[in-house]
Amino acid sequence: MNFETLLSKLAVQLSSAQLDSIIESSVFLFPAEKIQLQNRSSEKRRKEFLGARLLRNQLLIKSIISYDDVGKPYLQDDPNRYISISHSGETVVLGVASFNIGIDIEKPQNKIHRIINKFADEDEKNLYSFGQFSATDWLTFIWCAKEAIYKLGGRKGVAFKEEIQLLSIDEVEHNYLKISGSYKHSAGKTHEVEVYCLKDSELLFALAKFKAEP
């Protein structure tokens, strides 16, 4: 499985850029966004803000990117499309679809072994036993998948270990996994989710969507 095949299958647009190559003067911003940029004092945060707008422009989307009360991004002038944004190191990724999505990218690091028990139980850690991915890759995929589900759900205060569960691996290829899981909404209702995970070079990518829109 590759990105082009997966995104075509899911009807999702995805674009990425390297933050260190972004030139501020070359990125179109709406007037409100220029003000928002001025309020970001950190150079990294400014680059991330610009990176998302650069990708929006590349995808020919003519709408301000705004954020709701819990920080979930949305297209202010295009309510029929959903977006999700992720950063890792110098990479920024923007996903766009006609349905709600959450995306996350991560670079596998050994420190995942020290913190895995904070957000995953034994069943989740033992889900994968196929051999195509290293232990570090798989544990990072757990975090990546749960972070994507968290962004999909769009509420604060989610307990990753108890309220976001990875239940089964449904498809496996040499660089690809499809995972089924569940997400507990604040009202106590549980929604079924599916997560599409890919490894590309040194980065892991996860895209989460609801099996049926809530």
N, C-alpha and C. Protein backbone atom coordinates (compact mmCIF):
# COMPACT_ATOMS: atom_id res chain seq x y z
N MET A 1 0.85 -1.18 0.00
CA MET A 1 0.00 0.00 0.00
C MET A 1 0.90 1.25 0.00
N ASN A 2 0.55 2.24 -0.81
CA ASN A 2 1.26 3.52 -0.77
C ASN A 2 0.25 4.63 -0.51
N PHE A 3 0.76 5.83 -0.29
CA PHE A 3 -0.11 6.95 0.05
C PHE A 3 -1.14 7.23 -1.05
N GLU A 4 -0.70 7.20 -2.30
CA GLU A 4 -1.61 7.52 -3.40
C GLU A 4 -2.78 6.54 -3.45
N THR A 5 -2.48 5.24 -3.30
CA THR A 5 -3.53 4.22 -3.33
C THR A 5 -4.48 4.38 -2.16
N LEU A 6 -3.92 4.57 -0.96
CA LEU A 6 -4.75 4.71 0.23
C LEU A 6 -5.64 5.93 0.15
N LEU A 7 -5.07 7.07 -0.22
CA LEU A 7 -5.85 8.31 -0.25
C LEU A 7 -6.91 8.28 -1.33
N SER A 8 -6.61 7.63 -2.45
CA SER A 8 -7.62 7.46 -3.50
C SER A 8 -8.76 6.58 -3.00
N LYS A 9 -8.41 5.53 -2.28
CA LYS A 9 -9.41 4.61 -1.73
C LYS A 9 -10.33 5.32 -0.74
N LEU A 10 -9.76 6.22 0.06
CA LEU A 10 -10.52 6.89 1.11
C LEU A 10 -11.12 8.22 0.66
N ALA A 11 -10.77 8.68 -0.54
CA ALA A 11 -11.21 9.99 -1.02
C ALA A 11 -10.75 11.10 -0.08
N VAL A 12 -9.45 11.07 0.23
CA VAL A 12 -8.83 12.08 1.09
C VAL A 12 -7.71 12.76 0.33
N GLN A 13 -7.62 14.08 0.45
CA GLN A 13 -6.49 14.82 -0.10
C GLN A 13 -5.47 15.02 1.03
N LEU A 14 -4.21 14.86 0.69
CA LEU A 14 -3.16 15.02 1.68
C LEU A 14 -2.01 15.77 1.05
N SER A 15 -1.47 16.74 1.79
CA SER A 15 -0.32 17.49 1.30
C SER A 15 0.64 17.71 2.46
N SER A 16 1.94 17.74 2.15
CA SER A 16 2.94 17.92 3.20
C SER A 16 4.01 18.90 2.75
N ALA A 17 4.72 19.45 3.72
CA ALA A 17 5.80 20.40 3.43
C ALA A 17 6.82 20.35 4.55
N GLN A 18 8.01 20.84 4.26
CA GLN A 18 9.08 20.95 5.25
C GLN A 18 9.11 22.38 5.78
N LEU A 19 9.05 22.52 7.08
CA LEU A 19 8.96 23.83 7.69
C LEU A 19 10.18 24.69 7.41
N ASP A 20 11.35 24.06 7.30
CA ASP A 20 12.56 24.85 7.11
C ASP A 20 12.67 25.44 5.71
N SER A 21 11.75 25.04 4.81
CA SER A 21 11.78 25.59 3.45
C SER A 21 10.73 26.69 3.23
N ILE A 22 9.96 26.99 4.27
CA ILE A 22 8.86 27.95 4.12
C ILE A 22 9.37 29.38 4.24
N ILE A 23 9.00 30.20 3.27
CA ILE A 23 9.33 31.63 3.28
C ILE A 23 8.05 32.40 3.59
N GLU A 24 8.04 33.11 4.69
CA GLU A 24 6.82 33.76 5.17
C GLU A 24 6.17 34.64 4.12
N SER A 25 6.95 35.40 3.40
CA SER A 25 6.39 36.35 2.44
C SER A 25 5.73 35.67 1.25
N SER A 26 6.00 34.39 1.07
CA SER A 26 5.44 33.68 -0.09
C SER A 26 4.13 32.97 0.23
N VAL A 27 3.69 33.01 1.49
CA VAL A 27 2.47 32.31 1.89
C VAL A 27 1.30 33.29 1.96
N PHE A 28 0.27 33.05 1.15
CA PHE A 28 -0.92 33.90 1.21
C PHE A 28 -1.66 33.67 2.52
N LEU A 29 -2.01 34.77 3.19
CA LEU A 29 -2.79 34.71 4.41
C LEU A 29 -3.97 35.67 4.30
N PHE A 30 -5.11 35.26 4.82
CA PHE A 30 -6.24 36.17 4.93
C PHE A 30 -5.91 37.21 6.01
N PRO A 31 -6.56 38.39 5.96
CA PRO A 31 -6.25 39.43 6.95
C PRO A 31 -6.31 38.94 8.40
N ALA A 32 -7.33 38.17 8.72
CA ALA A 32 -7.46 37.66 10.10
C ALA A 32 -6.30 36.75 10.45
N GLU A 33 -5.80 36.00 9.46
CA GLU A 33 -4.69 35.10 9.72
C GLU A 33 -3.38 35.86 9.93
N LYS A 34 -3.24 36.98 9.27
CA LYS A 34 -2.04 37.81 9.48
C LYS A 34 -1.98 38.28 10.93
N ILE A 35 -3.14 38.62 11.49
CA ILE A 35 -3.19 39.03 12.89
C ILE A 35 -2.86 37.85 13.80
N GLN A 36 -3.41 36.69 13.48
CA GLN A 36 -3.13 35.49 14.29
C GLN A 36 -1.65 35.14 14.26
N LEU A 37 -1.02 35.31 13.11
CA LEU A 37 0.41 35.01 12.99
C LEU A 37 1.22 35.93 13.89
N GLN A 38 0.84 37.21 13.95
CA GLN A 38 1.56 38.18 14.78
C GLN A 38 1.51 37.80 16.26
N ASN A 39 0.48 37.07 16.66
CA ASN A 39 0.32 36.68 18.07
C ASN A 39 1.12 35.43 18.43
N ARG A 40 1.80 34.86 17.45
CA ARG A 40 2.63 33.68 17.71
C ARG A 40 4.09 34.11 17.79
N SER A 41 4.61 34.12 19.01
CA SER A 41 5.97 34.62 19.22
C SER A 41 7.04 33.58 18.92
N SER A 42 6.71 32.30 19.11
CA SER A 42 7.67 31.23 18.86
C SER A 42 7.89 31.05 17.36
N GLU A 43 9.14 30.97 16.95
CA GLU A 43 9.45 30.79 15.53
C GLU A 43 8.90 29.46 15.03
N LYS A 44 8.97 28.44 15.84
CA LYS A 44 8.44 27.12 15.44
C LYS A 44 6.93 27.19 15.23
N ARG A 45 6.23 27.84 16.15
CA ARG A 45 4.77 27.97 16.03
C ARG A 45 4.39 28.80 14.79
N ARG A 46 5.17 29.81 14.50
CA ARG A 46 4.91 30.62 13.31
C ARG A 46 5.07 29.77 12.04
N LYS A 47 6.13 28.96 12.02
CA LYS A 47 6.38 28.10 10.87
C LYS A 47 5.25 27.07 10.71
N GLU A 48 4.80 26.49 11.82
CA GLU A 48 3.71 25.52 11.76
C GLU A 48 2.43 26.16 11.25
N PHE A 49 2.15 27.37 11.74
CA PHE A 49 0.97 28.12 11.29
C PHE A 49 1.06 28.39 9.79
N LEU A 50 2.21 28.87 9.35
CA LEU A 50 2.41 29.17 7.93
C LEU A 50 2.35 27.89 7.10
N GLY A 51 2.91 26.80 7.63
CA GLY A 51 2.94 25.55 6.88
C GLY A 51 1.55 25.05 6.56
N ALA A 52 0.65 25.11 7.52
CA ALA A 52 -0.73 24.65 7.28
C ALA A 52 -1.41 25.51 6.22
N ARG A 53 -1.16 26.83 6.26
CA ARG A 53 -1.78 27.72 5.26
C ARG A 53 -1.14 27.54 3.88
N LEU A 54 0.14 27.25 3.84
CA LEU A 54 0.79 26.95 2.57
C LEU A 54 0.16 25.73 1.92
N LEU A 55 -0.07 24.69 2.69
CA LEU A 55 -0.67 23.46 2.17
C LEU A 55 -2.12 23.71 1.75
N ARG A 56 -2.84 24.50 2.54
CA ARG A 56 -4.19 24.88 2.15
C ARG A 56 -4.19 25.55 0.79
N ASN A 57 -3.27 26.48 0.59
CA ASN A 57 -3.18 27.19 -0.69
C ASN A 57 -2.84 26.25 -1.83
N GLN A 58 -1.94 25.30 -1.57
CA GLN A 58 -1.55 24.34 -2.61
C GLN A 58 -2.73 23.46 -3.03
N LEU A 59 -3.63 23.21 -2.09
CA LEU A 59 -4.82 22.40 -2.40
C LEU A 59 -5.97 23.26 -2.94
N LEU A 60 -5.68 24.55 -3.19
CA LEU A 60 -6.64 25.48 -3.80
C LEU A 60 -7.91 25.65 -2.95
N ILE A 61 -7.73 25.63 -1.65
CA ILE A 61 -8.84 25.84 -0.72
C ILE A 61 -8.92 27.33 -0.40
N LYS A 62 -10.06 27.92 -0.65
CA LYS A 62 -10.22 29.36 -0.44
C LYS A 62 -11.03 29.63 0.82
N SER A 63 -10.45 29.30 1.95
CA SER A 63 -11.14 29.50 3.22
C SER A 63 -10.11 29.71 4.33
N ILE A 64 -10.48 30.54 5.29
CA ILE A 64 -9.67 30.69 6.49
C ILE A 64 -9.68 29.38 7.27
N ILE A 65 -8.53 28.98 7.82
CA ILE A 65 -8.48 27.87 8.76
C ILE A 65 -8.70 28.44 10.15
N SER A 66 -9.79 28.01 10.78
CA SER A 66 -10.11 28.46 12.14
C SER A 66 -10.04 27.26 13.09
N TYR A 67 -10.25 27.54 14.38
CA TYR A 67 -10.18 26.49 15.39
C TYR A 67 -11.38 26.61 16.31
N ASP A 68 -11.97 25.47 16.66
CA ASP A 68 -13.11 25.51 17.57
C ASP A 68 -12.63 25.63 19.02
N ASP A 69 -13.55 25.50 19.96
CA ASP A 69 -13.23 25.75 21.37
C ASP A 69 -12.22 24.77 21.94
N VAL A 70 -12.07 23.61 21.33
CA VAL A 70 -11.11 22.62 21.83
C VAL A 70 -9.87 22.54 20.96
N GLY A 71 -9.76 23.47 19.99
CA GLY A 71 -8.56 23.54 19.16
C GLY A 71 -8.59 22.71 17.91
N LYS A 72 -9.75 22.16 17.56
CA LYS A 72 -9.87 21.36 16.33
C LYS A 72 -9.98 22.30 15.13
N PRO A 73 -9.13 22.14 14.11
CA PRO A 73 -9.18 23.05 12.96
C PRO A 73 -10.37 22.77 12.05
N TYR A 74 -10.87 23.81 11.44
CA TYR A 74 -11.95 23.65 10.45
C TYR A 74 -11.86 24.77 9.43
N LEU A 75 -12.52 24.56 8.29
CA LEU A 75 -12.54 25.56 7.23
C LEU A 75 -13.74 26.47 7.46
N GLN A 76 -13.45 27.70 7.81
CA GLN A 76 -14.50 28.64 8.21
C GLN A 76 -15.53 28.87 7.11
N ASP A 77 -15.08 28.89 5.86
CA ASP A 77 -15.98 29.22 4.75
C ASP A 77 -16.29 28.02 3.87
N ASP A 78 -16.02 26.82 4.36
CA ASP A 78 -16.26 25.61 3.56
C ASP A 78 -16.73 24.49 4.50
N PRO A 79 -17.97 24.59 5.02
CA PRO A 79 -18.44 23.65 6.04
C PRO A 79 -18.64 22.22 5.53
N ASN A 80 -18.58 22.01 4.24
CA ASN A 80 -18.78 20.68 3.70
C ASN A 80 -17.50 19.86 3.60
N ARG A 81 -16.37 20.48 4.00
CA ARG A 81 -15.11 19.75 4.00
C ARG A 81 -14.48 19.81 5.39
N TYR A 82 -13.81 18.74 5.75
CA TYR A 82 -13.16 18.62 7.06
C TYR A 82 -11.65 18.59 6.86
N ILE A 83 -10.93 19.10 7.85
CA ILE A 83 -9.47 19.08 7.77
C ILE A 83 -8.88 18.56 9.07
N SER A 84 -7.62 18.14 8.98
CA SER A 84 -6.84 17.79 10.16
C SER A 84 -5.39 18.13 9.85
N ILE A 85 -4.65 18.54 10.86
CA ILE A 85 -3.27 19.00 10.69
C ILE A 85 -2.38 18.27 11.69
N SER A 86 -1.16 17.93 11.24
CA SER A 86 -0.20 17.31 12.16
C SER A 86 1.20 17.81 11.84
N HIS A 87 2.05 17.85 12.88
CA HIS A 87 3.45 18.24 12.72
C HIS A 87 4.34 17.21 13.40
N SER A 88 5.50 16.98 12.84
CA SER A 88 6.53 16.17 13.49
C SER A 88 7.88 16.67 13.01
N GLY A 89 8.69 17.16 13.93
CA GLY A 89 9.97 17.72 13.52
C GLY A 89 9.77 18.87 12.56
N GLU A 90 10.35 18.75 11.37
CA GLU A 90 10.25 19.79 10.35
C GLU A 90 9.14 19.52 9.33
N THR A 91 8.32 18.50 9.56
CA THR A 91 7.28 18.13 8.60
C THR A 91 5.91 18.56 9.08
N VAL A 92 5.12 19.14 8.20
CA VAL A 92 3.73 19.48 8.47
C VAL A 92 2.87 18.80 7.41
N VAL A 93 1.72 18.26 7.85
CA VAL A 93 0.82 17.56 6.94
C VAL A 93 -0.60 18.10 7.14
N LEU A 94 -1.31 18.27 6.05
CA LEU A 94 -2.71 18.71 6.07
C LEU A 94 -3.54 17.69 5.32
N GLY A 95 -4.61 17.19 5.94
CA GLY A 95 -5.54 16.27 5.30
C GLY A 95 -6.89 16.93 5.12
N VAL A 96 -7.56 16.65 4.00
CA VAL A 96 -8.86 17.24 3.67
C VAL A 96 -9.78 16.14 3.16
N ALA A 97 -11.04 16.13 3.63
CA ALA A 97 -12.00 15.13 3.18
C ALA A 97 -13.41 15.68 3.31
N SER A 98 -14.36 14.98 2.72
CA SER A 98 -15.77 15.37 2.82
C SER A 98 -16.41 14.78 4.08
N PHE A 99 -15.62 14.07 4.89
CA PHE A 99 -16.09 13.48 6.14
C PHE A 99 -15.06 13.79 7.22
N ASN A 100 -15.48 13.65 8.46
CA ASN A 100 -14.61 13.98 9.59
C ASN A 100 -13.39 13.06 9.63
N ILE A 101 -12.21 13.64 9.80
CA ILE A 101 -10.97 12.86 9.87
C ILE A 101 -10.07 13.39 10.98
N GLY A 102 -9.14 12.56 11.38
CA GLY A 102 -8.05 12.98 12.26
C GLY A 102 -6.78 12.36 11.74
N ILE A 103 -5.70 13.13 11.66
CA ILE A 103 -4.44 12.58 11.18
C ILE A 103 -3.32 12.87 12.19
N ASP A 104 -2.31 12.01 12.16
CA ASP A 104 -1.14 12.25 13.00
C ASP A 104 0.09 11.66 12.32
N ILE A 105 1.22 12.33 12.47
CA ILE A 105 2.50 11.80 11.99
C ILE A 105 3.47 11.79 13.16
N GLU A 106 4.31 10.79 13.21
CA GLU A 106 5.28 10.65 14.28
C GLU A 106 6.55 10.01 13.74
N LYS A 107 7.67 10.37 14.33
CA LYS A 107 8.93 9.70 14.04
C LYS A 107 9.21 8.73 15.18
N PRO A 108 9.37 7.42 14.89
CA PRO A 108 9.61 6.45 15.96
C PRO A 108 10.87 6.79 16.75
N GLN A 109 10.75 6.74 18.07
CA GLN A 109 11.88 6.97 18.96
C GLN A 109 11.84 5.96 20.10
N ASN A 110 13.01 5.58 20.60
CA ASN A 110 13.08 4.55 21.63
C ASN A 110 12.37 4.93 22.92
N LYS A 111 12.19 6.23 23.17
CA LYS A 111 11.55 6.66 24.42
C LYS A 111 10.11 6.15 24.52
N ILE A 112 9.53 5.72 23.40
CA ILE A 112 8.16 5.21 23.42
C ILE A 112 8.04 4.01 24.36
N HIS A 113 9.11 3.24 24.51
CA HIS A 113 9.08 2.06 25.38
C HIS A 113 8.92 2.45 26.84
N ARG A 114 9.37 3.64 27.22
CA ARG A 114 9.29 4.09 28.61
C ARG A 114 7.92 4.64 28.97
N ILE A 115 7.17 5.10 27.97
CA ILE A 115 5.91 5.79 28.27
C ILE A 115 4.68 5.04 27.77
N ILE A 116 4.87 3.91 27.09
CA ILE A 116 3.76 3.22 26.46
C ILE A 116 2.64 2.87 27.44
N ASN A 117 2.99 2.51 28.69
CA ASN A 117 1.97 2.09 29.65
C ASN A 117 1.06 3.24 30.10
N LYS A 118 1.44 4.46 29.78
CA LYS A 118 0.59 5.60 30.13
C LYS A 118 -0.64 5.69 29.24
N PHE A 119 -0.56 5.14 28.02
CA PHE A 119 -1.69 5.30 27.10
C PHE A 119 -2.13 4.02 26.41
N ALA A 120 -1.54 2.88 26.72
CA ALA A 120 -1.93 1.62 26.09
C ALA A 120 -1.93 0.49 27.10
N ASP A 121 -2.88 -0.46 26.95
CA ASP A 121 -2.91 -1.62 27.85
C ASP A 121 -2.19 -2.81 27.19
N GLU A 122 -2.13 -3.92 27.92
CA GLU A 122 -1.39 -5.08 27.44
C GLU A 122 -2.00 -5.66 26.17
N ASP A 123 -3.33 -5.67 26.07
CA ASP A 123 -3.99 -6.20 24.88
C ASP A 123 -3.57 -5.40 23.64
N GLU A 124 -3.51 -4.09 23.78
CA GLU A 124 -3.13 -3.25 22.64
C GLU A 124 -1.67 -3.47 22.27
N LYS A 125 -0.81 -3.55 23.28
CA LYS A 125 0.61 -3.77 22.99
C LYS A 125 0.84 -5.09 22.28
N ASN A 126 -0.01 -6.09 22.58
CA ASN A 126 0.16 -7.42 22.01
C ASN A 126 -0.66 -7.67 20.74
N LEU A 127 -1.37 -6.66 20.27
CA LEU A 127 -2.19 -6.82 19.06
C LEU A 127 -1.35 -7.22 17.85
N TYR A 128 -0.17 -6.62 17.74
CA TYR A 128 0.64 -6.81 16.54
C TYR A 128 1.71 -7.87 16.76
N SER A 129 1.76 -8.88 15.88
CA SER A 129 2.77 -9.93 15.99
C SER A 129 3.14 -10.48 14.63
N PHE A 130 3.11 -9.61 13.61
CA PHE A 130 3.29 -10.09 12.24
C PHE A 130 4.73 -10.01 11.75
N GLY A 131 5.54 -9.13 12.32
CA GLY A 131 6.96 -9.12 11.98
C GLY A 131 7.42 -8.06 11.00
N GLN A 132 6.49 -7.39 10.29
CA GLN A 132 6.93 -6.39 9.32
C GLN A 132 7.47 -5.12 9.97
N PHE A 133 6.97 -4.81 11.18
CA PHE A 133 7.39 -3.60 11.88
C PHE A 133 8.18 -3.96 13.13
N SER A 134 9.09 -3.08 13.52
CA SER A 134 9.84 -3.28 14.75
C SER A 134 8.93 -3.00 15.94
N ALA A 135 9.38 -3.38 17.14
CA ALA A 135 8.62 -3.10 18.35
C ALA A 135 8.44 -1.60 18.54
N THR A 136 9.48 -0.84 18.24
CA THR A 136 9.40 0.62 18.37
C THR A 136 8.39 1.20 17.39
N ASP A 137 8.40 0.69 16.16
CA ASP A 137 7.41 1.14 15.18
C ASP A 137 5.99 0.87 15.68
N TRP A 138 5.74 -0.36 16.16
CA TRP A 138 4.38 -0.72 16.56
C TRP A 138 3.91 0.12 17.75
N LEU A 139 4.76 0.30 18.75
CA LEU A 139 4.35 1.10 19.90
C LEU A 139 4.09 2.55 19.49
N THR A 140 4.88 3.04 18.53
CA THR A 140 4.65 4.40 18.02
C THR A 140 3.35 4.45 17.23
N PHE A 141 3.05 3.39 16.48
CA PHE A 141 1.78 3.34 15.76
C PHE A 141 0.60 3.41 16.72
N ILE A 142 0.72 2.78 17.90
CA ILE A 142 -0.36 2.85 18.89
C ILE A 142 -0.62 4.31 19.26
N TRP A 143 0.46 5.05 19.58
CA TRP A 143 0.31 6.46 19.92
C TRP A 143 -0.25 7.25 18.74
N CYS A 144 0.30 7.01 17.57
CA CYS A 144 -0.09 7.73 16.36
C CYS A 144 -1.58 7.52 16.08
N ALA A 145 -2.03 6.26 16.20
CA ALA A 145 -3.45 5.93 15.95
C ALA A 145 -4.34 6.59 16.98
N LYS A 146 -3.93 6.55 18.25
CA LYS A 146 -4.76 7.14 19.29
C LYS A 146 -4.80 8.67 19.17
N GLU A 147 -3.69 9.27 18.80
CA GLU A 147 -3.66 10.72 18.60
C GLU A 147 -4.58 11.11 17.44
N ALA A 148 -4.57 10.31 16.37
CA ALA A 148 -5.46 10.58 15.23
C ALA A 148 -6.92 10.46 15.65
N ILE A 149 -7.24 9.45 16.47
CA ILE A 149 -8.62 9.28 16.95
C ILE A 149 -9.01 10.45 17.86
N TYR A 150 -8.07 10.88 18.70
CA TYR A 150 -8.32 12.03 19.57
C TYR A 150 -8.66 13.27 18.75
N LYS A 151 -7.90 13.51 17.68
CA LYS A 151 -8.17 14.66 16.81
C LYS A 151 -9.50 14.50 16.09
N LEU A 152 -9.83 13.28 15.73
CA LEU A 152 -11.12 13.00 15.09
C LEU A 152 -12.27 13.35 16.02
N GLY A 153 -12.17 12.93 17.28
CA GLY A 153 -13.26 13.13 18.23
C GLY A 153 -13.47 14.57 18.62
N GLY A 154 -12.40 15.33 18.75
CA GLY A 154 -12.52 16.76 18.99
C GLY A 154 -13.06 17.15 20.35
N ARG A 155 -12.62 16.47 21.40
CA ARG A 155 -12.97 16.94 22.75
C ARG A 155 -11.75 16.86 23.65
N LYS A 156 -11.70 17.77 24.63
CA LYS A 156 -10.57 17.80 25.55
C LYS A 156 -10.78 16.78 26.67
N GLY A 157 -9.70 16.51 27.37
CA GLY A 157 -9.79 15.67 28.56
C GLY A 157 -10.01 14.21 28.30
N VAL A 158 -9.64 13.71 27.13
CA VAL A 158 -9.83 12.30 26.80
C VAL A 158 -8.73 11.47 27.47
N ALA A 159 -9.13 10.38 28.12
CA ALA A 159 -8.17 9.45 28.70
C ALA A 159 -7.77 8.44 27.62
N PHE A 160 -6.56 8.60 27.09
CA PHE A 160 -6.14 7.78 25.95
C PHE A 160 -6.19 6.29 26.26
N LYS A 161 -5.86 5.91 27.47
CA LYS A 161 -5.78 4.49 27.81
C LYS A 161 -7.16 3.87 28.00
N GLU A 162 -8.08 4.63 28.58
CA GLU A 162 -9.40 4.08 28.90
C GLU A 162 -10.47 4.40 27.86
N GLU A 163 -10.39 5.56 27.22
CA GLU A 163 -11.49 6.01 26.36
C GLU A 163 -11.20 5.86 24.87
N ILE A 164 -9.95 5.59 24.51
CA ILE A 164 -9.61 5.30 23.12
C ILE A 164 -8.99 3.90 23.10
N GLN A 165 -9.66 2.97 22.45
CA GLN A 165 -9.21 1.58 22.46
C GLN A 165 -8.93 1.09 21.04
N LEU A 166 -7.78 0.43 20.86
CA LEU A 166 -7.48 -0.27 19.61
C LEU A 166 -7.85 -1.74 19.82
N LEU A 167 -8.74 -2.25 18.97
CA LEU A 167 -9.35 -3.55 19.24
C LEU A 167 -8.85 -4.69 18.34
N SER A 168 -8.55 -4.38 17.08
CA SER A 168 -8.12 -5.44 16.17
C SER A 168 -7.35 -4.86 14.99
N ILE A 169 -6.49 -5.68 14.41
CA ILE A 169 -5.80 -5.33 13.17
C ILE A 169 -6.49 -6.10 12.05
N ASP A 170 -7.07 -5.39 11.10
CA ASP A 170 -7.92 -6.01 10.08
C ASP A 170 -7.20 -6.24 8.75
N GLU A 171 -6.19 -5.42 8.46
CA GLU A 171 -5.44 -5.57 7.21
C GLU A 171 -3.96 -5.33 7.50
N VAL A 172 -3.10 -6.09 6.84
CA VAL A 172 -1.66 -5.95 7.03
C VAL A 172 -0.95 -6.07 5.70
N GLU A 173 -0.07 -5.10 5.41
CA GLU A 173 0.87 -5.20 4.30
C GLU A 173 2.24 -4.81 4.83
N HIS A 174 3.25 -4.81 3.97
CA HIS A 174 4.60 -4.61 4.48
C HIS A 174 4.82 -3.25 5.11
N ASN A 175 4.06 -2.23 4.71
CA ASN A 175 4.22 -0.91 5.30
C ASN A 175 2.89 -0.31 5.74
N TYR A 176 1.88 -1.17 5.94
CA TYR A 176 0.51 -0.67 6.12
C TYR A 176 -0.26 -1.55 7.10
N LEU A 177 -1.08 -0.89 7.94
CA LEU A 177 -2.00 -1.57 8.84
C LEU A 177 -3.34 -0.86 8.83
N LYS A 178 -4.41 -1.63 8.90
CA LYS A 178 -5.73 -1.05 9.16
C LYS A 178 -6.19 -1.57 10.51
N ILE A 179 -6.55 -0.64 11.40
CA ILE A 179 -6.91 -0.99 12.77
C ILE A 179 -8.34 -0.57 13.05
N SER A 180 -9.09 -1.42 13.74
CA SER A 180 -10.41 -1.05 14.24
C SER A 180 -10.31 -0.70 15.71
N GLY A 181 -11.08 0.29 16.13
CA GLY A 181 -11.02 0.71 17.51
C GLY A 181 -12.32 1.35 17.96
N SER A 182 -12.29 1.94 19.15
CA SER A 182 -13.47 2.60 19.69
C SER A 182 -13.07 3.90 20.37
N TYR A 183 -14.00 4.83 20.38
CA TYR A 183 -13.79 6.16 20.98
C TYR A 183 -15.00 6.47 21.84
N LYS A 184 -14.76 6.75 23.11
CA LYS A 184 -15.85 7.04 24.03
C LYS A 184 -16.11 8.54 24.07
N HIS A 185 -17.30 8.93 23.67
CA HIS A 185 -17.68 10.33 23.67
C HIS A 185 -17.98 10.78 25.09
N SER A 186 -17.96 12.07 25.32
CA SER A 186 -18.16 12.60 26.67
C SER A 186 -19.54 12.24 27.22
N ALA A 187 -20.50 12.02 26.34
CA ALA A 187 -21.85 11.66 26.79
C ALA A 187 -21.93 10.18 27.19
N GLY A 188 -20.79 9.47 27.10
CA GLY A 188 -20.79 8.06 27.47
C GLY A 188 -21.04 7.14 26.31
N LYS A 189 -21.34 7.68 25.16
CA LYS A 189 -21.61 6.86 23.99
C LYS A 189 -20.30 6.47 23.32
N THR A 190 -20.19 5.22 22.89
CA THR A 190 -18.98 4.73 22.25
C THR A 190 -19.18 4.64 20.74
N HIS A 191 -18.22 5.16 19.98
CA HIS A 191 -18.29 5.13 18.53
C HIS A 191 -17.19 4.22 17.98
N GLU A 192 -17.53 3.47 16.95
CA GLU A 192 -16.53 2.63 16.29
C GLU A 192 -15.71 3.48 15.33
N VAL A 193 -14.40 3.26 15.32
CA VAL A 193 -13.51 4.01 14.44
C VAL A 193 -12.61 3.03 13.69
N GLU A 194 -12.07 3.50 12.59
CA GLU A 194 -11.05 2.74 11.87
C GLU A 194 -9.88 3.66 11.58
N VAL A 195 -8.67 3.09 11.67
CA VAL A 195 -7.45 3.87 11.51
C VAL A 195 -6.58 3.21 10.46
N TYR A 196 -6.13 4.02 9.51
CA TYR A 196 -5.27 3.56 8.43
C TYR A 196 -3.85 4.06 8.71
N CYS A 197 -2.92 3.12 8.87
CA CYS A 197 -1.56 3.46 9.29
C CYS A 197 -0.56 3.08 8.20
N LEU A 198 0.35 4.01 7.90
CA LEU A 198 1.38 3.78 6.89
C LEU A 198 2.74 4.20 7.43
N LYS A 199 3.77 3.47 7.02
CA LYS A 199 5.14 3.90 7.29
C LYS A 199 5.75 4.38 5.99
N ASP A 200 6.27 5.60 6.00
CA ASP A 200 6.88 6.18 4.81
C ASP A 200 8.22 6.76 5.20
N SER A 201 9.29 6.16 4.73
CA SER A 201 10.62 6.58 5.11
C SER A 201 10.76 6.51 6.63
N GLU A 202 11.07 7.63 7.28
CA GLU A 202 11.27 7.61 8.73
C GLU A 202 10.03 8.02 9.51
N LEU A 203 8.94 8.33 8.83
CA LEU A 203 7.74 8.81 9.51
C LEU A 203 6.62 7.77 9.48
N LEU A 204 5.85 7.74 10.57
CA LEU A 204 4.64 6.95 10.63
C LEU A 204 3.44 7.88 10.50
N PHE A 205 2.44 7.43 9.78
CA PHE A 205 1.26 8.24 9.49
C PHE A 205 0.01 7.46 9.87
N ALA A 206 -0.95 8.13 10.50
CA ALA A 206 -2.24 7.51 10.83
C ALA A 206 -3.37 8.44 10.46
N LEU A 207 -4.42 7.87 9.86
CA LEU A 207 -5.63 8.61 9.52
C LEU A 207 -6.81 7.87 10.15
N ALA A 208 -7.58 8.58 10.98
CA ALA A 208 -8.71 7.98 11.65
C ALA A 208 -10.03 8.54 11.12
N LYS A 209 -11.04 7.68 11.03
CA LYS A 209 -12.38 8.10 10.63
C LYS A 209 -13.39 7.24 11.37
N PHE A 210 -14.59 7.77 11.53
CA PHE A 210 -15.66 7.00 12.13
C PHE A 210 -16.16 5.96 11.13
N LYS A 211 -16.50 4.76 11.62
CA LYS A 211 -17.11 3.76 10.73
C LYS A 211 -18.48 4.24 10.27
N ALA A 212 -19.18 4.90 11.14
CA ALA A 212 -20.47 5.52 10.81
C ALA A 212 -20.50 6.87 11.51
N GLU A 213 -20.84 7.92 10.78
CA GLU A 213 -20.83 9.26 11.36
C GLU A 213 -21.75 9.33 12.57
N PRO A 214 -21.28 9.87 13.71
CA PRO A 214 -22.11 9.98 14.93
C PRO A 214 -23.34 10.85 14.69
